[in-house]
Amino acid sequence: MRQEAESRDRNRAIRSYIRNLRKKTLALIAAEDAKKEEVVQAVNFYKSQLDKTWAKGVFKRNKSSELKSKIDNGFKKRFGEEKKPA
């Protein structure tokens, strides 16, 4: 029970961090004065953090893939299809 409580608290903090990071990334994508290089860097950082949460078992694979796809779609709407972030 103690391990479950520690795990639950850790996972809750990580989920909160990811939610806040997603909000910041989406705000940067929507910003009028944002440069494409900055947005690409922010999207790539967000994706790497999602991969880490999946590796730690906080999110399941489909959940992390879904969140990455949503960010990619927002990026494509704003900047077009030519070069998507890695």
PDB file of N, CA and C in Angstrom:
ATOM      1  N   MET A   1       0.819  -1.193   0.000  1.00  0.00           N
ATOM      2  CA  MET A   1       0.000   0.000   0.000  1.00  0.00           C
ATOM      3  C   MET A   1       0.867   1.262   0.000  1.00  0.00           C
ATOM      4  N   ARG A   2       1.979   1.189   0.697  1.00  0.00           N
ATOM      5  CA  ARG A   2       2.867   2.345   0.746  1.00  0.00           C
ATOM      6  C   ARG A   2       3.454   2.626  -0.642  1.00  0.00           C
ATOM      7  N   GLN A   3       3.866   1.555  -1.329  1.00  0.00           N
ATOM      8  CA  GLN A   3       4.418   1.727  -2.674  1.00  0.00           C
ATOM      9  C   GLN A   3       3.374   2.288  -3.626  1.00  0.00           C
ATOM     10  N   GLU A   4       2.148   1.816  -3.507  1.00  0.00           N
ATOM     11  CA  GLU A   4       1.082   2.327  -4.364  1.00  0.00           C
ATOM     12  C   GLU A   4       0.855   3.810  -4.132  1.00  0.00           C
ATOM     13  N   ALA A   5       0.907   4.224  -2.877  1.00  0.00           N
ATOM     14  CA  ALA A   5       0.702   5.638  -2.558  1.00  0.00           C
ATOM     15  C   ALA A   5       1.826   6.496  -3.134  1.00  0.00           C
ATOM     16  N   GLU A   6       3.065   6.028  -2.997  1.00  0.00           N
ATOM     17  CA  GLU A   6       4.192   6.768  -3.562  1.00  0.00           C
ATOM     18  C   GLU A   6       4.089   6.835  -5.076  1.00  0.00           C
ATOM     19  N   SER A   7       3.745   5.718  -5.690  1.00  0.00           N
ATOM     20  CA  SER A   7       3.605   5.666  -7.142  1.00  0.00           C
ATOM     21  C   SER A   7       2.483   6.581  -7.610  1.00  0.00           C
ATOM     22  N   ARG A   8       1.363   6.575  -6.911  1.00  0.00           N
ATOM     23  CA  ARG A   8       0.225   7.415  -7.271  1.00  0.00           C
ATOM     24  C   ARG A   8       0.599   8.889  -7.193  1.00  0.00           C
ATOM     25  N   ASP A   9       1.291   9.283  -6.141  1.00  0.00           N
ATOM     26  CA  ASP A   9       1.705  10.678  -5.998  1.00  0.00           C
ATOM     27  C   ASP A   9       2.679  11.085  -7.101  1.00  0.00           C
ATOM     28  N   ARG A  10       3.628  10.208  -7.400  1.00  0.00           N
ATOM     29  CA  ARG A  10       4.603  10.503  -8.454  1.00  0.00           C
ATOM     30  C   ARG A  10       3.912  10.621  -9.807  1.00  0.00           C
ATOM     31  N   ASN A  11       3.022   9.671 -10.102  1.00  0.00           N
ATOM     32  CA  ASN A  11       2.326   9.694 -11.385  1.00  0.00           C
ATOM     33  C   ASN A  11       1.428  10.915 -11.510  1.00  0.00           C
ATOM     34  N   ARG A  12       0.795  11.315 -10.416  1.00  0.00           N
ATOM     35  CA  ARG A  12      -0.061  12.500 -10.438  1.00  0.00           C
ATOM     36  C   ARG A  12       0.758  13.739 -10.763  1.00  0.00           C
ATOM     37  N   ALA A  13       1.935  13.850 -10.177  1.00  0.00           N
ATOM     38  CA  ALA A  13       2.802  14.995 -10.440  1.00  0.00           C
ATOM     39  C   ALA A  13       3.264  14.996 -11.891  1.00  0.00           C
ATOM     40  N   ILE A  14       3.596  13.838 -12.418  1.00  0.00           N
ATOM     41  CA  ILE A  14       4.058  13.751 -13.801  1.00  0.00           C
ATOM     42  C   ILE A  14       2.924  14.105 -14.765  1.00  0.00           C
ATOM     43  N   ARG A  15       1.716  13.611 -14.496  1.00  0.00           N
ATOM     44  CA  ARG A  15       0.571  13.937 -15.354  1.00  0.00           C
ATOM     45  C   ARG A  15       0.280  15.436 -15.340  1.00  0.00           C
ATOM     46  N   SER A  16       0.397  16.039 -14.191  1.00  0.00           N
ATOM     47  CA  SER A  16       0.182  17.477 -14.070  1.00  0.00           C
ATOM     48  C   SER A  16       1.236  18.243 -14.873  1.00  0.00           C
ATOM     49  N   TYR A  17       2.481  17.807 -14.785  1.00  0.00           N
ATOM     50  CA  TYR A  17       3.570  18.429 -15.544  1.00  0.00           C
ATOM     51  C   TYR A  17       3.296  18.332 -17.044  1.00  0.00           C
ATOM     52  N   ILE A  18       2.850  17.167 -17.504  1.00  0.00           N
ATOM     53  CA  ILE A  18       2.578  16.969 -18.927  1.00  0.00           C
ATOM     54  C   ILE A  18       1.409  17.844 -19.376  1.00  0.00           C
ATOM     55  N   ARG A  19       0.363  17.943 -18.549  1.00  0.00           N
ATOM     56  CA  ARG A  19      -0.779  18.798 -18.900  1.00  0.00           C
ATOM     57  C   ARG A  19      -0.344  20.247 -19.049  1.00  0.00           C
ATOM     58  N   ASN A  20       0.463  20.734 -18.109  1.00  0.00           N
ATOM     59  CA  ASN A  20       0.941  22.113 -18.175  1.00  0.00           C
ATOM     60  C   ASN A  20       1.858  22.328 -19.373  1.00  0.00           C
ATOM     61  N   LEU A  21       2.697  21.345 -19.658  1.00  0.00           N
ATOM     62  CA  LEU A  21       3.587  21.444 -20.809  1.00  0.00           C
ATOM     63  C   LEU A  21       2.789  21.474 -22.101  1.00  0.00           C
ATOM     64  N   ARG A  22       1.707  20.685 -22.165  1.00  0.00           N
ATOM     65  CA  ARG A  22       0.852  20.676 -23.354  1.00  0.00           C
ATOM     66  C   ARG A  22       0.202  22.038 -23.549  1.00  0.00           C
ATOM     67  N   LYS A  23      -0.288  22.644 -22.477  1.00  0.00           N
ATOM     68  CA  LYS A  23      -0.904  23.964 -22.574  1.00  0.00           C
ATOM     69  C   LYS A  23       0.085  25.008 -23.083  1.00  0.00           C
ATOM     70  N   LYS A  24       1.316  24.953 -22.555  1.00  0.00           N
ATOM     71  CA  LYS A  24       2.336  25.912 -22.989  1.00  0.00           C
ATOM     72  C   LYS A  24       2.702  25.708 -24.451  1.00  0.00           C
ATOM     73  N   THR A  25       2.801  24.437 -24.865  1.00  0.00           N
ATOM     74  CA  THR A  25       3.154  24.139 -26.253  1.00  0.00           C
ATOM     75  C   THR A  25       2.050  24.593 -27.195  1.00  0.00           C
ATOM     76  N   LEU A  26       0.803  24.321 -26.850  1.00  0.00           N
ATOM     77  CA  LEU A  26      -0.316  24.761 -27.684  1.00  0.00           C
ATOM     78  C   LEU A  26      -0.406  26.281 -27.738  1.00  0.00           C
ATOM     79  N   ALA A  27      -0.113  26.947 -26.633  1.00  0.00           N
ATOM     80  CA  ALA A  27      -0.118  28.408 -26.623  1.00  0.00           C
ATOM     81  C   ALA A  27       0.980  28.958 -27.523  1.00  0.00           C
ATOM     82  N   LEU A  28       2.128  28.302 -27.526  1.00  0.00           N
ATOM     83  CA  LEU A  28       3.225  28.737 -28.386  1.00  0.00           C
ATOM     84  C   LEU A  28       2.875  28.512 -29.850  1.00  0.00           C
ATOM     85  N   ILE A  29       2.219  27.399 -30.156  1.00  0.00           N
ATOM     86  CA  ILE A  29       1.796  27.140 -31.535  1.00  0.00           C
ATOM     87  C   ILE A  29       0.810  28.210 -31.991  1.00  0.00           C
ATOM     88  N   ALA A  30      -0.099  28.616 -31.123  1.00  0.00           N
ATOM     89  CA  ALA A  30      -1.138  29.581 -31.485  1.00  0.00           C
ATOM     90  C   ALA A  30      -0.635  31.023 -31.492  1.00  0.00           C
ATOM     91  N   ALA A  31       0.510  31.276 -30.872  1.00  0.00           N
ATOM     92  CA  ALA A  31       1.013  32.650 -30.787  1.00  0.00           C
ATOM     93  C   ALA A  31       1.350  33.184 -32.173  1.00  0.00           C
ATOM     94  N   GLU A  32       0.970  34.428 -32.402  1.00  0.00           N
ATOM     95  CA  GLU A  32       1.194  35.057 -33.703  1.00  0.00           C
ATOM     96  C   GLU A  32       2.670  35.339 -33.964  1.00  0.00           C
ATOM     97  N   ASP A  33       3.404  35.712 -32.931  1.00  0.00           N
ATOM     98  CA  ASP A  33       4.798  36.110 -33.115  1.00  0.00           C
ATOM     99  C   ASP A  33       5.787  34.963 -32.909  1.00  0.00           C
ATOM    100  N   ALA A  34       5.288  33.738 -32.806  1.00  0.00           N
ATOM    101  CA  ALA A  34       6.176  32.592 -32.576  1.00  0.00           C
ATOM    102  C   ALA A  34       6.899  32.219 -33.868  1.00  0.00           C
ATOM    103  N   LYS A  35       8.185  31.963 -33.731  1.00  0.00           N
ATOM    104  CA  LYS A  35       8.970  31.528 -34.880  1.00  0.00           C
ATOM    105  C   LYS A  35       8.861  30.016 -35.020  1.00  0.00           C
ATOM    106  N   LYS A  36       8.971  29.560 -36.233  1.00  0.00           N
ATOM    107  CA  LYS A  36       8.795  28.137 -36.499  1.00  0.00           C
ATOM    108  C   LYS A  36       9.851  27.298 -35.775  1.00  0.00           C
ATOM    109  N   GLU A  37      11.084  27.780 -35.706  1.00  0.00           N
ATOM    110  CA  GLU A  37      12.153  27.028 -35.053  1.00  0.00           C
ATOM    111  C   GLU A  37      11.860  26.837 -33.566  1.00  0.00           C
ATOM    112  N   GLU A  38      11.340  27.881 -32.927  1.00  0.00           N
ATOM    113  CA  GLU A  38      10.995  27.781 -31.509  1.00  0.00           C
ATOM    114  C   GLU A  38       9.880  26.766 -31.293  1.00  0.00           C
ATOM    115  N   VAL A  39       8.892  26.806 -32.173  1.00  0.00           N
ATOM    116  CA  VAL A  39       7.754  25.898 -32.042  1.00  0.00           C
ATOM    117  C   VAL A  39       8.196  24.459 -32.266  1.00  0.00           C
ATOM    118  N   VAL A  40       9.049  24.239 -33.260  1.00  0.00           N
ATOM    119  CA  VAL A  40       9.553  22.886 -33.527  1.00  0.00           C
ATOM    120  C   VAL A  40      10.308  22.363 -32.315  1.00  0.00           C
ATOM    121  N   GLN A  41      11.119  23.214 -31.717  1.00  0.00           N
ATOM    122  CA  GLN A  41      11.879  22.814 -30.532  1.00  0.00           C
ATOM    123  C   GLN A  41      10.947  22.471 -29.372  1.00  0.00           C
ATOM    124  N   ALA A  42       9.906  23.268 -29.167  1.00  0.00           N
ATOM    125  CA  ALA A  42       8.951  23.017 -28.081  1.00  0.00           C
ATOM    126  C   ALA A  42       8.165  21.728 -28.323  1.00  0.00           C
ATOM    127  N   VAL A  43       7.756  21.496 -29.567  1.00  0.00           N
ATOM    128  CA  VAL A  43       7.006  20.280 -29.898  1.00  0.00           C
ATOM    129  C   VAL A  43       7.882  19.050 -29.702  1.00  0.00           C
ATOM    130  N   ASN A  44       9.121  19.122 -30.126  1.00  0.00           N
ATOM    131  CA  ASN A  44      10.022  17.991 -29.943  1.00  0.00           C
ATOM    132  C   ASN A  44      10.283  17.704 -28.465  1.00  0.00           C
ATOM    133  N   PHE A  45      10.413  18.754 -27.661  1.00  0.00           N
ATOM    134  CA  PHE A  45      10.613  18.565 -26.226  1.00  0.00           C
ATOM    135  C   PHE A  45       9.386  17.910 -25.605  1.00  0.00           C
ATOM    136  N   TYR A  46       8.196  18.366 -25.994  1.00  0.00           N
ATOM    137  CA  TYR A  46       6.954  17.791 -25.487  1.00  0.00           C
ATOM    138  C   TYR A  46       6.864  16.312 -25.844  1.00  0.00           C
ATOM    139  N   LYS A  47       7.209  15.981 -27.078  1.00  0.00           N
ATOM    140  CA  LYS A  47       7.157  14.585 -27.509  1.00  0.00           C
ATOM    141  C   LYS A  47       8.155  13.731 -26.736  1.00  0.00           C
ATOM    142  N   SER A  48       9.335  14.257 -26.468  1.00  0.00           N
ATOM    143  CA  SER A  48      10.325  13.474 -25.731  1.00  0.00           C
ATOM    144  C   SER A  48       9.859  13.238 -24.296  1.00  0.00           C
ATOM    145  N   GLN A  49       9.198  14.237 -23.701  1.00  0.00           N
ATOM    146  CA  GLN A  49       8.677  14.060 -22.346  1.00  0.00           C
ATOM    147  C   GLN A  49       7.555  13.026 -22.328  1.00  0.00           C
ATOM    148  N   LEU A  50       6.731  12.996 -23.367  1.00  0.00           N
ATOM    149  CA  LEU A  50       5.680  11.972 -23.466  1.00  0.00           C
ATOM    150  C   LEU A  50       6.287  10.583 -23.586  1.00  0.00           C
ATOM    151  N   ASP A  51       7.355  10.470 -24.360  1.00  0.00           N
ATOM    152  CA  ASP A  51       8.019   9.170 -24.494  1.00  0.00           C
ATOM    153  C   ASP A  51       8.572   8.702 -23.151  1.00  0.00           C
ATOM    154  N   LYS A  52       9.092   9.635 -22.379  1.00  0.00           N
ATOM    155  CA  LYS A  52       9.627   9.267 -21.065  1.00  0.00           C
ATOM    156  C   LYS A  52       8.510   8.812 -20.128  1.00  0.00           C
ATOM    157  N   THR A  53       7.366   9.485 -20.185  1.00  0.00           N
ATOM    158  CA  THR A  53       6.262   9.071 -19.318  1.00  0.00           C
ATOM    159  C   THR A  53       5.741   7.707 -19.720  1.00  0.00           C
ATOM    160  N   TRP A  54       5.749   7.422 -21.020  1.00  0.00           N
ATOM    161  CA  TRP A  54       5.337   6.090 -21.471  1.00  0.00           C
ATOM    162  C   TRP A  54       6.339   5.043 -20.984  1.00  0.00           C
ATOM    163  N   ALA A  55       7.625   5.357 -21.061  1.00  0.00           N
ATOM    164  CA  ALA A  55       8.656   4.411 -20.641  1.00  0.00           C
ATOM    165  C   ALA A  55       8.567   4.127 -19.140  1.00  0.00           C
ATOM    166  N   LYS A  56       8.155   5.114 -18.352  1.00  0.00           N
ATOM    167  CA  LYS A  56       8.029   4.928 -16.908  1.00  0.00           C
ATOM    168  C   LYS A  56       6.708   4.271 -16.520  1.00  0.00           C
ATOM    169  N   GLY A  57       5.796   4.138 -17.481  1.00  0.00           N
ATOM    170  CA  GLY A  57       4.536   3.470 -17.204  1.00  0.00           C
ATOM    171  C   GLY A  57       3.435   4.384 -16.708  1.00  0.00           C
ATOM    172  N   VAL A  58       3.626   5.695 -16.821  1.00  0.00           N
ATOM    173  CA  VAL A  58       2.593   6.627 -16.385  1.00  0.00           C
ATOM    174  C   VAL A  58       1.439   6.624 -17.384  1.00  0.00           C
ATOM    175  N   PHE A  59       1.772   6.697 -18.671  1.00  0.00           N
ATOM    176  CA  PHE A  59       0.786   6.622 -19.740  1.00  0.00           C
ATOM    177  C   PHE A  59       0.963   5.319 -20.489  1.00  0.00           C
ATOM    178  N   LYS A  60      -0.126   4.812 -21.028  1.00  0.00           N
ATOM    179  CA  LYS A  60      -0.012   3.670 -21.930  1.00  0.00           C
ATOM    180  C   LYS A  60       0.430   4.177 -23.291  1.00  0.00           C
ATOM    181  N   ARG A  61       0.867   3.267 -24.125  1.00  0.00           N
ATOM    182  CA  ARG A  61       1.426   3.637 -25.422  1.00  0.00           C
ATOM    183  C   ARG A  61       0.418   4.408 -26.279  1.00  0.00           C
ATOM    184  N   ASN A  62      -0.825   3.959 -26.323  1.00  0.00           N
ATOM    185  CA  ASN A  62      -1.820   4.632 -27.149  1.00  0.00           C
ATOM    186  C   ASN A  62      -2.105   6.047 -26.657  1.00  0.00           C
ATOM    187  N   LYS A  63      -2.091   6.244 -25.359  1.00  0.00           N
ATOM    188  CA  LYS A  63      -2.339   7.574 -24.804  1.00  0.00           C
ATOM    189  C   LYS A  63      -1.238   8.539 -25.212  1.00  0.00           C
ATOM    190  N   SER A  64       0.007   8.111 -25.100  1.00  0.00           N
ATOM    191  CA  SER A  64       1.108   9.001 -25.477  1.00  0.00           C
ATOM    192  C   SER A  64       1.098   9.256 -26.985  1.00  0.00           C
ATOM    193  N   SER A  65       0.760   8.245 -27.771  1.00  0.00           N
ATOM    194  CA  SER A  65       0.674   8.422 -29.226  1.00  0.00           C
ATOM    195  C   SER A  65      -0.450   9.374 -29.592  1.00  0.00           C
ATOM    196  N   GLU A  66      -1.557   9.280 -28.889  1.00  0.00           N
ATOM    197  CA  GLU A  66      -2.689  10.164 -29.145  1.00  0.00           C
ATOM    198  C   GLU A  66      -2.328  11.612 -28.853  1.00  0.00           C
ATOM    199  N   LEU A  67      -1.655  11.849 -27.731  1.00  0.00           N
ATOM    200  CA  LEU A  67      -1.262  13.209 -27.371  1.00  0.00           C
ATOM    201  C   LEU A  67      -0.252  13.783 -28.360  1.00  0.00           C
ATOM    202  N   LYS A  68       0.691  12.959 -28.809  1.00  0.00           N
ATOM    203  CA  LYS A  68       1.667  13.419 -29.801  1.00  0.00           C
ATOM    204  C   LYS A  68       0.978  13.750 -31.122  1.00  0.00           C
ATOM    205  N   SER A  69       0.005  12.950 -31.504  1.00  0.00           N
ATOM    206  CA  SER A  69      -0.715  13.182 -32.746  1.00  0.00           C
ATOM    207  C   SER A  69      -1.496  14.489 -32.698  1.00  0.00           C
ATOM    208  N   LYS A  70      -2.110  14.779 -31.560  1.00  0.00           N
ATOM    209  CA  LYS A  70      -2.865  16.021 -31.426  1.00  0.00           C
ATOM    210  C   LYS A  70      -1.955  17.244 -31.555  1.00  0.00           C
ATOM    211  N   ILE A  71      -0.764  17.166 -30.968  1.00  0.00           N
ATOM    212  CA  ILE A  71       0.186  18.278 -31.084  1.00  0.00           C
ATOM    213  C   ILE A  71       0.645  18.427 -32.533  1.00  0.00           C
ATOM    214  N   ASP A  72       0.910  17.310 -33.202  1.00  0.00           N
ATOM    215  CA  ASP A  72       1.318  17.363 -34.604  1.00  0.00           C
ATOM    216  C   ASP A  72       0.238  17.989 -35.471  1.00  0.00           C
ATOM    217  N   ASN A  73      -1.012  17.643 -35.207  1.00  0.00           N
ATOM    218  CA  ASN A  73      -2.105  18.215 -35.998  1.00  0.00           C
ATOM    219  C   ASN A  73      -2.203  19.724 -35.796  1.00  0.00           C
ATOM    220  N   GLY A  74      -2.025  20.192 -34.580  1.00  0.00           N
ATOM    221  CA  GLY A  74      -2.024  21.625 -34.323  1.00  0.00           C
ATOM    222  C   GLY A  74      -0.865  22.324 -35.011  1.00  0.00           C
ATOM    223  N   PHE A  75       0.285  21.669 -35.013  1.00  0.00           N
ATOM    224  CA  PHE A  75       1.457  22.229 -35.699  1.00  0.00           C
ATOM    225  C   PHE A  75       1.213  22.313 -37.203  1.00  0.00           C
ATOM    226  N   LYS A  76       0.628  21.263 -37.778  1.00  0.00           N
ATOM    227  CA  LYS A  76       0.362  21.246 -39.217  1.00  0.00           C
ATOM    228  C   LYS A  76      -0.657  22.302 -39.622  1.00  0.00           C
ATOM    229  N   LYS A  77      -1.673  22.522 -38.792  1.00  0.00           N
ATOM    230  CA  LYS A  77      -2.661  23.551 -39.101  1.00  0.00           C
ATOM    231  C   LYS A  77      -2.027  24.929 -39.126  1.00  0.00           C
ATOM    232  N   ARG A  78      -1.087  25.155 -38.231  1.00  0.00           N
ATOM    233  CA  ARG A  78      -0.474  26.481 -38.118  1.00  0.00           C
ATOM    234  C   ARG A  78       0.604  26.726 -39.162  1.00  0.00           C
ATOM    235  N   PHE A  79       1.462  25.731 -39.387  1.00  0.00           N
ATOM    236  CA  PHE A  79       2.626  25.940 -40.236  1.00  0.00           C
ATOM    237  C   PHE A  79       2.592  25.172 -41.546  1.00  0.00           C
ATOM    238  N   GLY A  80       1.581  24.395 -41.781  1.00  0.00           N
ATOM    239  CA  GLY A  80       1.502  23.659 -43.035  1.00  0.00           C
ATOM    240  C   GLY A  80       2.154  22.290 -42.937  1.00  0.00           C
ATOM    241  N   GLU A  81       2.162  21.592 -44.053  1.00  0.00           N
ATOM    242  CA  GLU A  81       2.591  20.193 -44.090  1.00  0.00           C
ATOM    243  C   GLU A  81       4.057  20.009 -44.460  1.00  0.00           C
ATOM    244  N   GLU A  82       4.763  21.060 -44.862  1.00  0.00           N
ATOM    245  CA  GLU A  82       6.064  20.855 -45.479  1.00  0.00           C
ATOM    246  C   GLU A  82       7.070  20.118 -44.619  1.00  0.00           C
ATOM    247  N   LYS A  83       7.344  20.597 -43.406  1.00  0.00           N
ATOM    248  CA  LYS A  83       8.314  19.927 -42.532  1.00  0.00           C
ATOM    249  C   LYS A  83       7.682  19.731 -41.165  1.00  0.00           C
ATOM    250  N   LYS A  84       7.450  18.491 -40.800  1.00  0.00           N
ATOM    251  CA  LYS A  84       6.901  18.264 -39.473  1.00  0.00           C
ATOM    252  C   LYS A  84       8.041  17.972 -38.512  1.00  0.00           C
ATOM    253  N   PRO A  85       7.860  18.293 -37.233  1.00  0.00           N
ATOM    254  CA  PRO A  85       8.935  18.049 -36.272  1.00  0.00           C
ATOM    255  C   PRO A  85       9.189  16.567 -36.078  1.00  0.00           C
ATOM    256  N   ALA A  86      10.426  16.269 -35.737  1.00  0.00           N
ATOM    257  CA  ALA A  86      10.822  14.865 -35.576  1.00  0.00           C
ATOM    258  C   ALA A  86      10.259  14.244 -34.339  1.00  0.00           C
TER     259      ALA A  86
END
